[in-house]
Amino acid sequence: MKKNKTPISQATTYSEVGEYWGNHDITDVWDKTRAASFEVNIESEVTYFAVEKELTEKVQSFAKAQGVSSGTLVNLWIQQKIQSQSRRKAVR
């Protein structure tokens, strides 16, 4: 955090900001606030890969049994495999 004080709490550290907002409510200082405008892009990037039909059916079956979407299950499996491979590389 900069050495400057925050406009409402007059804090100079994150700890002080936390302390201030732990003891104050925004309604106490509403008149000191100003409107903010910003854009948020919540779309994640999607990349498609060709998967054999048999594998797709098996993934869909596993996903349904787990109560998650096929995409979620595939992402989880890929993350786990990458972590496993990374650990193996680190050991070598």
PDB file of N, CA and C in Angstrom:
ATOM      1  N   MET A   1       0.855  -1.183   0.000  1.00  0.00           N
ATOM      2  CA  MET A   1       0.000   0.000   0.000  1.00  0.00           C
ATOM      3  C   MET A   1       0.892   1.233   0.000  1.00  0.00           C
ATOM      4  N   LYS A   2       0.421   2.274  -0.634  1.00  0.00           N
ATOM      5  CA  LYS A   2       1.169   3.535  -0.661  1.00  0.00           C
ATOM      6  C   LYS A   2       1.262   4.125   0.735  1.00  0.00           C
ATOM      7  N   LYS A   3       2.124   5.108   0.864  1.00  0.00           N
ATOM      8  CA  LYS A   3       2.262   5.806   2.142  1.00  0.00           C
ATOM      9  C   LYS A   3       1.091   6.751   2.390  1.00  0.00           C
ATOM     10  N   ASN A   4       0.300   7.028   1.351  1.00  0.00           N
ATOM     11  CA  ASN A   4      -0.851   7.923   1.501  1.00  0.00           C
ATOM     12  C   ASN A   4      -1.919   7.273   2.365  1.00  0.00           C
ATOM     13  N   LYS A   5      -2.746   8.105   2.941  1.00  0.00           N
ATOM     14  CA  LYS A   5      -3.855   7.607   3.740  1.00  0.00           C
ATOM     15  C   LYS A   5      -5.059   7.343   2.839  1.00  0.00           C
ATOM     16  N   THR A   6      -5.828   6.307   3.181  1.00  0.00           N
ATOM     17  CA  THR A   6      -7.050   6.043   2.425  1.00  0.00           C
ATOM     18  C   THR A   6      -8.060   7.133   2.744  1.00  0.00           C
ATOM     19  N   PRO A   7      -8.918   7.494   1.773  1.00  0.00           N
ATOM     20  CA  PRO A   7      -9.784   8.659   1.945  1.00  0.00           C
ATOM     21  C   PRO A   7     -10.778   8.568   3.102  1.00  0.00           C
ATOM     22  N   ILE A   8     -11.307   7.398   3.360  1.00  0.00           N
ATOM     23  CA  ILE A   8     -12.331   7.314   4.401  1.00  0.00           C
ATOM     24  C   ILE A   8     -11.734   6.889   5.736  1.00  0.00           C
ATOM     25  N   SER A   9     -10.966   5.818   5.740  1.00  0.00           N
ATOM     26  CA  SER A   9     -10.447   5.299   7.020  1.00  0.00           C
ATOM     27  C   SER A   9      -9.221   6.055   7.510  1.00  0.00           C
ATOM     28  N   GLN A  10      -8.567   6.788   6.616  1.00  0.00           N
ATOM     29  CA  GLN A  10      -7.319   7.480   6.930  1.00  0.00           C
ATOM     30  C   GLN A  10      -6.218   6.501   7.332  1.00  0.00           C
ATOM     31  N   ALA A  11      -6.356   5.247   6.894  1.00  0.00           N
ATOM     32  CA  ALA A  11      -5.385   4.208   7.207  1.00  0.00           C
ATOM     33  C   ALA A  11      -4.215   4.286   6.237  1.00  0.00           C
ATOM     34  N   THR A  12      -3.056   3.817   6.685  1.00  0.00           N
ATOM     35  CA  THR A  12      -1.878   3.787   5.816  1.00  0.00           C
ATOM     36  C   THR A  12      -1.398   2.365   5.549  1.00  0.00           C
ATOM     37  N   THR A  13      -2.020   1.367   6.191  1.00  0.00           N
ATOM     38  CA  THR A  13      -1.662  -0.031   5.950  1.00  0.00           C
ATOM     39  C   THR A  13      -2.939  -0.845   5.751  1.00  0.00           C
ATOM     40  N   TYR A  14      -2.779  -2.018   5.128  1.00  0.00           N
ATOM     41  CA  TYR A  14      -3.935  -2.900   4.943  1.00  0.00           C
ATOM     42  C   TYR A  14      -4.498  -3.347   6.288  1.00  0.00           C
ATOM     43  N   SER A  15      -3.635  -3.544   7.243  1.00  0.00           N
ATOM     44  CA  SER A  15      -4.073  -3.932   8.581  1.00  0.00           C
ATOM     45  C   SER A  15      -4.964  -2.857   9.202  1.00  0.00           C
ATOM     46  N   GLU A  16      -4.566  -1.608   9.043  1.00  0.00           N
ATOM     47  CA  GLU A  16      -5.367  -0.499   9.574  1.00  0.00           C
ATOM     48  C   GLU A  16      -6.708  -0.388   8.846  1.00  0.00           C
ATOM     49  N   VAL A  17      -6.696  -0.616   7.537  1.00  0.00           N
ATOM     50  CA  VAL A  17      -7.953  -0.589   6.766  1.00  0.00           C
ATOM     51  C   VAL A  17      -8.892  -1.665   7.304  1.00  0.00           C
ATOM     52  N   GLY A  18      -8.349  -2.872   7.497  1.00  0.00           N
ATOM     53  CA  GLY A  18      -9.161  -3.969   8.032  1.00  0.00           C
ATOM     54  C   GLY A  18      -9.715  -3.662   9.400  1.00  0.00           C
ATOM     55  N   GLU A  19      -8.879  -3.079  10.236  1.00  0.00           N
ATOM     56  CA  GLU A  19      -9.308  -2.699  11.584  1.00  0.00           C
ATOM     57  C   GLU A  19     -10.447  -1.676  11.526  1.00  0.00           C
ATOM     58  N   TYR A  20     -10.275  -0.688  10.659  1.00  0.00           N
ATOM     59  CA  TYR A  20     -11.293   0.361  10.534  1.00  0.00           C
ATOM     60  C   TYR A  20     -12.634  -0.244  10.113  1.00  0.00           C
ATOM     61  N   TRP A  21     -12.614  -1.040   9.007  1.00  0.00           N
ATOM     62  CA  TRP A  21     -13.872  -1.569   8.491  1.00  0.00           C
ATOM     63  C   TRP A  21     -14.428  -2.688   9.363  1.00  0.00           C
ATOM     64  N   GLY A  22     -13.608  -3.232  10.242  1.00  0.00           N
ATOM     65  CA  GLY A  22     -14.113  -4.196  11.206  1.00  0.00           C
ATOM     66  C   GLY A  22     -14.933  -3.534  12.295  1.00  0.00           C
ATOM     67  N   ASN A  23     -14.735  -2.222  12.449  1.00  0.00           N
ATOM     68  CA  ASN A  23     -15.424  -1.479  13.506  1.00  0.00           C
ATOM     69  C   ASN A  23     -16.408  -0.434  12.991  1.00  0.00           C
ATOM     70  N   HIS A  24     -16.497  -0.265  11.672  1.00  0.00           N
ATOM     71  CA  HIS A  24     -17.375   0.754  11.099  1.00  0.00           C
ATOM     72  C   HIS A  24     -18.281   0.143  10.037  1.00  0.00           C
ATOM     73  N   ASP A  25     -19.361   0.810   9.794  1.00  0.00           N
ATOM     74  CA  ASP A  25     -20.321   0.406   8.777  1.00  0.00           C
ATOM     75  C   ASP A  25     -20.335   1.483   7.690  1.00  0.00           C
ATOM     76  N   ILE A  26     -20.543   1.083   6.456  1.00  0.00           N
ATOM     77  CA  ILE A  26     -20.546   2.042   5.341  1.00  0.00           C
ATOM     78  C   ILE A  26     -21.602   3.130   5.542  1.00  0.00           C
ATOM     79  N   THR A  27     -22.665   2.791   6.234  1.00  0.00           N
ATOM     80  CA  THR A  27     -23.712   3.805   6.449  1.00  0.00           C
ATOM     81  C   THR A  27     -23.202   4.949   7.322  1.00  0.00           C
ATOM     82  N   ASP A  28     -22.159   4.689   8.110  1.00  0.00           N
ATOM     83  CA  ASP A  28     -21.578   5.747   8.950  1.00  0.00           C
ATOM     84  C   ASP A  28     -20.885   6.821   8.122  1.00  0.00           C
ATOM     85  N   VAL A  29     -20.411   6.459   6.929  1.00  0.00           N
ATOM     86  CA  VAL A  29     -19.615   7.377   6.109  1.00  0.00           C
ATOM     87  C   VAL A  29     -20.148   7.493   4.684  1.00  0.00           C
ATOM     88  N   TRP A  30     -21.417   7.151   4.500  1.00  0.00           N
ATOM     89  CA  TRP A  30     -21.999   7.133   3.147  1.00  0.00           C
ATOM     90  C   TRP A  30     -21.819   8.465   2.422  1.00  0.00           C
ATOM     91  N   ASP A  31     -21.910   9.544   3.131  1.00  0.00           N
ATOM     92  CA  ASP A  31     -21.789  10.868   2.516  1.00  0.00           C
ATOM     93  C   ASP A  31     -20.365  11.146   2.003  1.00  0.00           C
ATOM     94  N   LYS A  32     -19.397  10.358   2.404  1.00  0.00           N
ATOM     95  CA  LYS A  32     -18.014  10.530   1.939  1.00  0.00           C
ATOM     96  C   LYS A  32     -17.699   9.649   0.712  1.00  0.00           C
ATOM     97  N   THR A  33     -18.651   8.838   0.301  1.00  0.00           N
ATOM     98  CA  THR A  33     -18.403   7.939  -0.833  1.00  0.00           C
ATOM     99  C   THR A  33     -18.772   8.620  -2.144  1.00  0.00           C
ATOM    100  N   ARG A  34     -18.323   8.016  -3.247  1.00  0.00           N
ATOM    101  CA  ARG A  34     -18.683   8.528  -4.565  1.00  0.00           C
ATOM    102  C   ARG A  34     -18.983   7.336  -5.474  1.00  0.00           C
ATOM    103  N   ALA A  35     -19.745   7.589  -6.504  1.00  0.00           N
ATOM    104  CA  ALA A  35     -20.123   6.529  -7.432  1.00  0.00           C
ATOM    105  C   ALA A  35     -18.901   6.014  -8.185  1.00  0.00           C
ATOM    106  N   ALA A  36     -18.906   4.729  -8.473  1.00  0.00           N
ATOM    107  CA  ALA A  36     -17.811   4.123  -9.244  1.00  0.00           C
ATOM    108  C   ALA A  36     -18.404   3.389 -10.431  1.00  0.00           C
ATOM    109  N   SER A  37     -17.660   3.365 -11.508  1.00  0.00           N
ATOM    110  CA  SER A  37     -18.100   2.679 -12.712  1.00  0.00           C
ATOM    111  C   SER A  37     -16.963   1.810 -13.221  1.00  0.00           C
ATOM    112  N   PHE A  38     -17.266   0.563 -13.553  1.00  0.00           N
ATOM    113  CA  PHE A  38     -16.240  -0.332 -14.087  1.00  0.00           C
ATOM    114  C   PHE A  38     -16.909  -1.472 -14.833  1.00  0.00           C
ATOM    115  N   GLU A  39     -16.138  -2.135 -15.675  1.00  0.00           N
ATOM    116  CA  GLU A  39     -16.627  -3.278 -16.433  1.00  0.00           C
ATOM    117  C   GLU A  39     -15.940  -4.535 -15.937  1.00  0.00           C
ATOM    118  N   VAL A  40     -16.692  -5.621 -15.935  1.00  0.00           N
ATOM    119  CA  VAL A  40     -16.147  -6.905 -15.519  1.00  0.00           C
ATOM    120  C   VAL A  40     -16.432  -7.916 -16.616  1.00  0.00           C
ATOM    121  N   ASN A  41     -15.400  -8.619 -17.053  1.00  0.00           N
ATOM    122  CA  ASN A  41     -15.571  -9.664 -18.044  1.00  0.00           C
ATOM    123  C   ASN A  41     -15.467 -10.997 -17.318  1.00  0.00           C
ATOM    124  N   ILE A  42     -16.608 -11.656 -17.098  1.00  0.00           N
ATOM    125  CA  ILE A  42     -16.605 -12.902 -16.338  1.00  0.00           C
ATOM    126  C   ILE A  42     -16.542 -14.139 -17.224  1.00  0.00           C
ATOM    127  N   GLU A  43     -16.460 -13.922 -18.522  1.00  0.00           N
ATOM    128  CA  GLU A  43     -16.374 -15.064 -19.422  1.00  0.00           C
ATOM    129  C   GLU A  43     -14.964 -15.635 -19.386  1.00  0.00           C
ATOM    130  N   SER A  44     -14.887 -16.939 -19.227  1.00  0.00           N
ATOM    131  CA  SER A  44     -13.576 -17.563 -19.289  1.00  0.00           C
ATOM    132  C   SER A  44     -13.313 -17.980 -20.734  1.00  0.00           C
ATOM    133  N   GLU A  45     -12.055 -18.081 -21.057  1.00  0.00           N
ATOM    134  CA  GLU A  45     -11.691 -18.468 -22.407  1.00  0.00           C
ATOM    135  C   GLU A  45     -11.947 -19.959 -22.572  1.00  0.00           C
ATOM    136  N   VAL A  46     -12.477 -20.342 -23.711  1.00  0.00           N
ATOM    137  CA  VAL A  46     -12.796 -21.737 -23.978  1.00  0.00           C
ATOM    138  C   VAL A  46     -11.985 -22.210 -25.171  1.00  0.00           C
ATOM    139  N   THR A  47     -11.377 -23.379 -25.020  1.00  0.00           N
ATOM    140  CA  THR A  47     -10.656 -24.007 -26.112  1.00  0.00           C
ATOM    141  C   THR A  47     -11.255 -25.386 -26.323  1.00  0.00           C
ATOM    142  N   TYR A  48     -11.516 -25.734 -27.547  1.00  0.00           N
ATOM    143  CA  TYR A  48     -12.127 -27.017 -27.857  1.00  0.00           C
ATOM    144  C   TYR A  48     -11.086 -28.009 -28.344  1.00  0.00           C
ATOM    145  N   PHE A  49     -11.225 -29.265 -27.911  1.00  0.00           N
ATOM    146  CA  PHE A  49     -10.355 -30.341 -28.335  1.00  0.00           C
ATOM    147  C   PHE A  49     -11.214 -31.480 -28.870  1.00  0.00           C
ATOM    148  N   ALA A  50     -10.709 -32.146 -29.885  1.00  0.00           N
ATOM    149  CA  ALA A  50     -11.415 -33.310 -30.423  1.00  0.00           C
ATOM    150  C   ALA A  50     -11.247 -34.467 -29.448  1.00  0.00           C
ATOM    151  N   VAL A  51     -12.355 -35.135 -29.123  1.00  0.00           N
ATOM    152  CA  VAL A  51     -12.340 -36.285 -28.228  1.00  0.00           C
ATOM    153  C   VAL A  51     -13.123 -37.404 -28.901  1.00  0.00           C
ATOM    154  N   GLU A  52     -12.569 -38.600 -28.862  1.00  0.00           N
ATOM    155  CA  GLU A  52     -13.249 -39.737 -29.470  1.00  0.00           C
ATOM    156  C   GLU A  52     -14.625 -39.919 -28.844  1.00  0.00           C
ATOM    157  N   LYS A  53     -15.564 -40.354 -29.650  1.00  0.00           N
ATOM    158  CA  LYS A  53     -16.949 -40.495 -29.199  1.00  0.00           C
ATOM    159  C   LYS A  53     -17.057 -41.410 -27.979  1.00  0.00           C
ATOM    160  N   GLU A  54     -16.338 -42.541 -28.000  1.00  0.00           N
ATOM    161  CA  GLU A  54     -16.379 -43.472 -26.861  1.00  0.00           C
ATOM    162  C   GLU A  54     -15.915 -42.804 -25.576  1.00  0.00           C
ATOM    163  N   LEU A  55     -14.842 -42.035 -25.681  1.00  0.00           N
ATOM    164  CA  LEU A  55     -14.337 -41.331 -24.500  1.00  0.00           C
ATOM    165  C   LEU A  55     -15.336 -40.289 -24.016  1.00  0.00           C
ATOM    166  N   THR A  56     -15.945 -39.591 -24.962  1.00  0.00           N
ATOM    167  CA  THR A  56     -16.940 -38.577 -24.602  1.00  0.00           C
ATOM    168  C   THR A  56     -18.081 -39.207 -23.818  1.00  0.00           C
ATOM    169  N   GLU A  57     -18.545 -40.338 -24.274  1.00  0.00           N
ATOM    170  CA  GLU A  57     -19.655 -41.022 -23.585  1.00  0.00           C
ATOM    171  C   GLU A  57     -19.243 -41.453 -22.182  1.00  0.00           C
ATOM    172  N   LYS A  58     -18.002 -41.946 -22.040  1.00  0.00           N
ATOM    173  CA  LYS A  58     -17.524 -42.356 -20.724  1.00  0.00           C
ATOM    174  C   LYS A  58     -17.393 -41.149 -19.792  1.00  0.00           C
ATOM    175  N   VAL A  59     -16.857 -40.049 -20.313  1.00  0.00           N
ATOM    176  CA  VAL A  59     -16.737 -38.824 -19.508  1.00  0.00           C
ATOM    177  C   VAL A  59     -18.115 -38.361 -19.058  1.00  0.00           C
ATOM    178  N   GLN A  60     -19.074 -38.347 -19.961  1.00  0.00           N
ATOM    179  CA  GLN A  60     -20.426 -37.913 -19.609  1.00  0.00           C
ATOM    180  C   GLN A  60     -21.031 -38.806 -18.535  1.00  0.00           C
ATOM    181  N   SER A  61     -20.767 -40.094 -18.628  1.00  0.00           N
ATOM    182  CA  SER A  61     -21.274 -41.036 -17.632  1.00  0.00           C
ATOM    183  C   SER A  61     -20.644 -40.784 -16.264  1.00  0.00           C
ATOM    184  N   PHE A  62     -19.314 -40.638 -16.235  1.00  0.00           N
ATOM    185  CA  PHE A  62     -18.620 -40.334 -14.976  1.00  0.00           C
ATOM    186  C   PHE A  62     -19.114 -39.013 -14.390  1.00  0.00           C
ATOM    187  N   ALA A  63     -19.254 -38.005 -15.240  1.00  0.00           N
ATOM    188  CA  ALA A  63     -19.678 -36.680 -14.779  1.00  0.00           C
ATOM    189  C   ALA A  63     -21.072 -36.744 -14.164  1.00  0.00           C
ATOM    190  N   LYS A  64     -21.964 -37.445 -14.832  1.00  0.00           N
ATOM    191  CA  LYS A  64     -23.341 -37.571 -14.319  1.00  0.00           C
ATOM    192  C   LYS A  64     -23.335 -38.249 -12.950  1.00  0.00           C
ATOM    193  N   ALA A  65     -22.509 -39.295 -12.808  1.00  0.00           N
ATOM    194  CA  ALA A  65     -22.420 -40.010 -11.531  1.00  0.00           C
ATOM    195  C   ALA A  65     -21.874 -39.110 -10.425  1.00  0.00           C
ATOM    196  N   GLN A  66     -21.008 -38.163 -10.787  1.00  0.00           N
ATOM    197  CA  GLN A  66     -20.423 -37.237  -9.811  1.00  0.00           C
ATOM    198  C   GLN A  66     -21.300 -36.012  -9.575  1.00  0.00           C
ATOM    199  N   GLY A  67     -22.303 -35.823 -10.420  1.00  0.00           N
ATOM    200  CA  GLY A  67     -23.183 -34.666 -10.276  1.00  0.00           C
ATOM    201  C   GLY A  67     -22.574 -33.367 -10.760  1.00  0.00           C
ATOM    202  N   VAL A  68     -21.647 -33.474 -11.728  1.00  0.00           N
ATOM    203  CA  VAL A  68     -21.015 -32.281 -12.295  1.00  0.00           C
ATOM    204  C   VAL A  68     -21.129 -32.330 -13.811  1.00  0.00           C
ATOM    205  N   SER A  69     -20.829 -31.215 -14.452  1.00  0.00           N
ATOM    206  CA  SER A  69     -20.857 -31.184 -15.913  1.00  0.00           C
ATOM    207  C   SER A  69     -19.631 -31.900 -16.466  1.00  0.00           C
ATOM    208  N   SER A  70     -19.722 -32.332 -17.695  1.00  0.00           N
ATOM    209  CA  SER A  70     -18.587 -32.978 -18.359  1.00  0.00           C
ATOM    210  C   SER A  70     -17.392 -32.032 -18.406  1.00  0.00           C
ATOM    211  N   GLY A  71     -17.649 -30.775 -18.713  1.00  0.00           N
ATOM    212  CA  GLY A  71     -16.578 -29.784 -18.786  1.00  0.00           C
ATOM    213  C   GLY A  71     -15.854 -29.617 -17.461  1.00  0.00           C
ATOM    214  N   THR A  72     -16.612 -29.576 -16.378  1.00  0.00           N
ATOM    215  CA  THR A  72     -16.014 -29.446 -15.049  1.00  0.00           C
ATOM    216  C   THR A  72     -15.148 -30.654 -14.733  1.00  0.00           C
ATOM    217  N   LEU A  73     -15.652 -31.842 -15.029  1.00  0.00           N
ATOM    218  CA  LEU A  73     -14.899 -33.059 -14.750  1.00  0.00           C
ATOM    219  C   LEU A  73     -13.619 -33.120 -15.572  1.00  0.00           C
ATOM    220  N   VAL A  74     -13.698 -32.799 -16.854  1.00  0.00           N
ATOM    221  CA  VAL A  74     -12.510 -32.827 -17.713  1.00  0.00           C
ATOM    222  C   VAL A  74     -11.476 -31.814 -17.220  1.00  0.00           C
ATOM    223  N   ASN A  75     -11.916 -30.620 -16.858  1.00  0.00           N
ATOM    224  CA  ASN A  75     -10.987 -29.616 -16.334  1.00  0.00           C
ATOM    225  C   ASN A  75     -10.309 -30.094 -15.056  1.00  0.00           C
ATOM    226  N   LEU A  76     -11.071 -30.719 -14.168  1.00  0.00           N
ATOM    227  CA  LEU A  76     -10.503 -31.244 -12.925  1.00  0.00           C
ATOM    228  C   LEU A  76      -9.468 -32.321 -13.221  1.00  0.00           C
ATOM    229  N   TRP A  77      -9.801 -33.248 -14.116  1.00  0.00           N
ATOM    230  CA  TRP A  77      -8.861 -34.316 -14.455  1.00  0.00           C
ATOM    231  C   TRP A  77      -7.588 -33.764 -15.079  1.00  0.00           C
ATOM    232  N   ILE A  78      -7.731 -32.800 -15.943  1.00  0.00           N
ATOM    233  CA  ILE A  78      -6.546 -32.213 -16.586  1.00  0.00           C
ATOM    234  C   ILE A  78      -5.680 -31.505 -15.545  1.00  0.00           C
ATOM    235  N   GLN A  79      -6.302 -30.763 -14.644  1.00  0.00           N
ATOM    236  CA  GLN A  79      -5.543 -30.094 -13.581  1.00  0.00           C
ATOM    237  C   GLN A  79      -4.776 -31.108 -12.737  1.00  0.00           C
ATOM    238  N   GLN A  80      -5.448 -32.198 -12.380  1.00  0.00           N
ATOM    239  CA  GLN A  80      -4.800 -33.229 -11.567  1.00  0.00           C
ATOM    240  C   GLN A  80      -3.621 -33.853 -12.314  1.00  0.00           C
ATOM    241  N   LYS A  81      -3.796 -34.131 -13.586  1.00  0.00           N
ATOM    242  CA  LYS A  81      -2.733 -34.741 -14.386  1.00  0.00           C
ATOM    243  C   LYS A  81      -1.538 -33.793 -14.498  1.00  0.00           C
ATOM    244  N   ILE A  82      -1.794 -32.538 -14.736  1.00  0.00           N
ATOM    245  CA  ILE A  82      -0.707 -31.559 -14.845  1.00  0.00           C
ATOM    246  C   ILE A  82       0.047 -31.446 -13.524  1.00  0.00           C
ATOM    247  N   GLN A  83      -0.681 -31.412 -12.405  1.00  0.00           N
ATOM    248  CA  GLN A  83      -0.025 -31.358 -11.097  1.00  0.00           C
ATOM    249  C   GLN A  83       0.832 -32.596 -10.866  1.00  0.00           C
ATOM    250  N   SER A  84       0.314 -33.740 -11.235  1.00  0.00           N
ATOM    251  CA  SER A  84       1.049 -34.997 -11.088  1.00  0.00           C
ATOM    252  C   SER A  84       2.322 -34.978 -11.928  1.00  0.00           C
ATOM    253  N   GLN A  85       2.215 -34.535 -13.159  1.00  0.00           N
ATOM    254  CA  GLN A  85       3.379 -34.457 -14.040  1.00  0.00           C
ATOM    255  C   GLN A  85       4.392 -33.449 -13.528  1.00  0.00           C
ATOM    256  N   SER A  86       3.920 -32.340 -12.998  1.00  0.00           N
ATOM    257  CA  SER A  86       4.814 -31.317 -12.462  1.00  0.00           C
ATOM    258  C   SER A  86       5.607 -31.852 -11.274  1.00  0.00           C
ATOM    259  N   ARG A  87       4.938 -32.623 -10.412  1.00  0.00           N
ATOM    260  CA  ARG A  87       5.625 -33.218  -9.257  1.00  0.00           C
ATOM    261  C   ARG A  87       6.676 -34.218  -9.715  1.00  0.00           C
ATOM    262  N   ARG A  88       6.356 -34.997 -10.729  1.00  0.00           N
ATOM    263  CA  ARG A  88       7.317 -35.967 -11.248  1.00  0.00           C
ATOM    264  C   ARG A  88       8.553 -35.268 -11.806  1.00  0.00           C
ATOM    265  N   LYS A  89       8.342 -34.163 -12.521  1.00  0.00           N
ATOM    266  CA  LYS A  89       9.477 -33.414 -13.071  1.00  0.00           C
ATOM    267  C   LYS A  89      10.348 -32.863 -11.948  1.00  0.00           C
ATOM    268  N   ALA A  90       9.720 -32.397 -10.889  1.00  0.00           N
ATOM    269  CA  ALA A  90      10.462 -31.801  -9.777  1.00  0.00           C
ATOM    270  C   ALA A  90      11.310 -32.836  -9.054  1.00  0.00           C
ATOM    271  N   VAL A  91      10.867 -34.072  -9.022  1.00  0.00           N
ATOM    272  CA  VAL A  91      11.586 -35.146  -8.323  1.00  0.00           C
ATOM    273  C   VAL A  91      12.807 -35.574  -9.129  1.00  0.00           C
ATOM    274  N   ARG A  92      12.722 -35.528 -10.425  1.00  0.00           N
ATOM    275  CA  ARG A  92      13.827 -35.984 -11.291  1.00  0.00           C
ATOM    276  C   ARG A  92      15.027 -35.131 -11.192  1.00  0.00           C
TER     277      ARG A  92
END
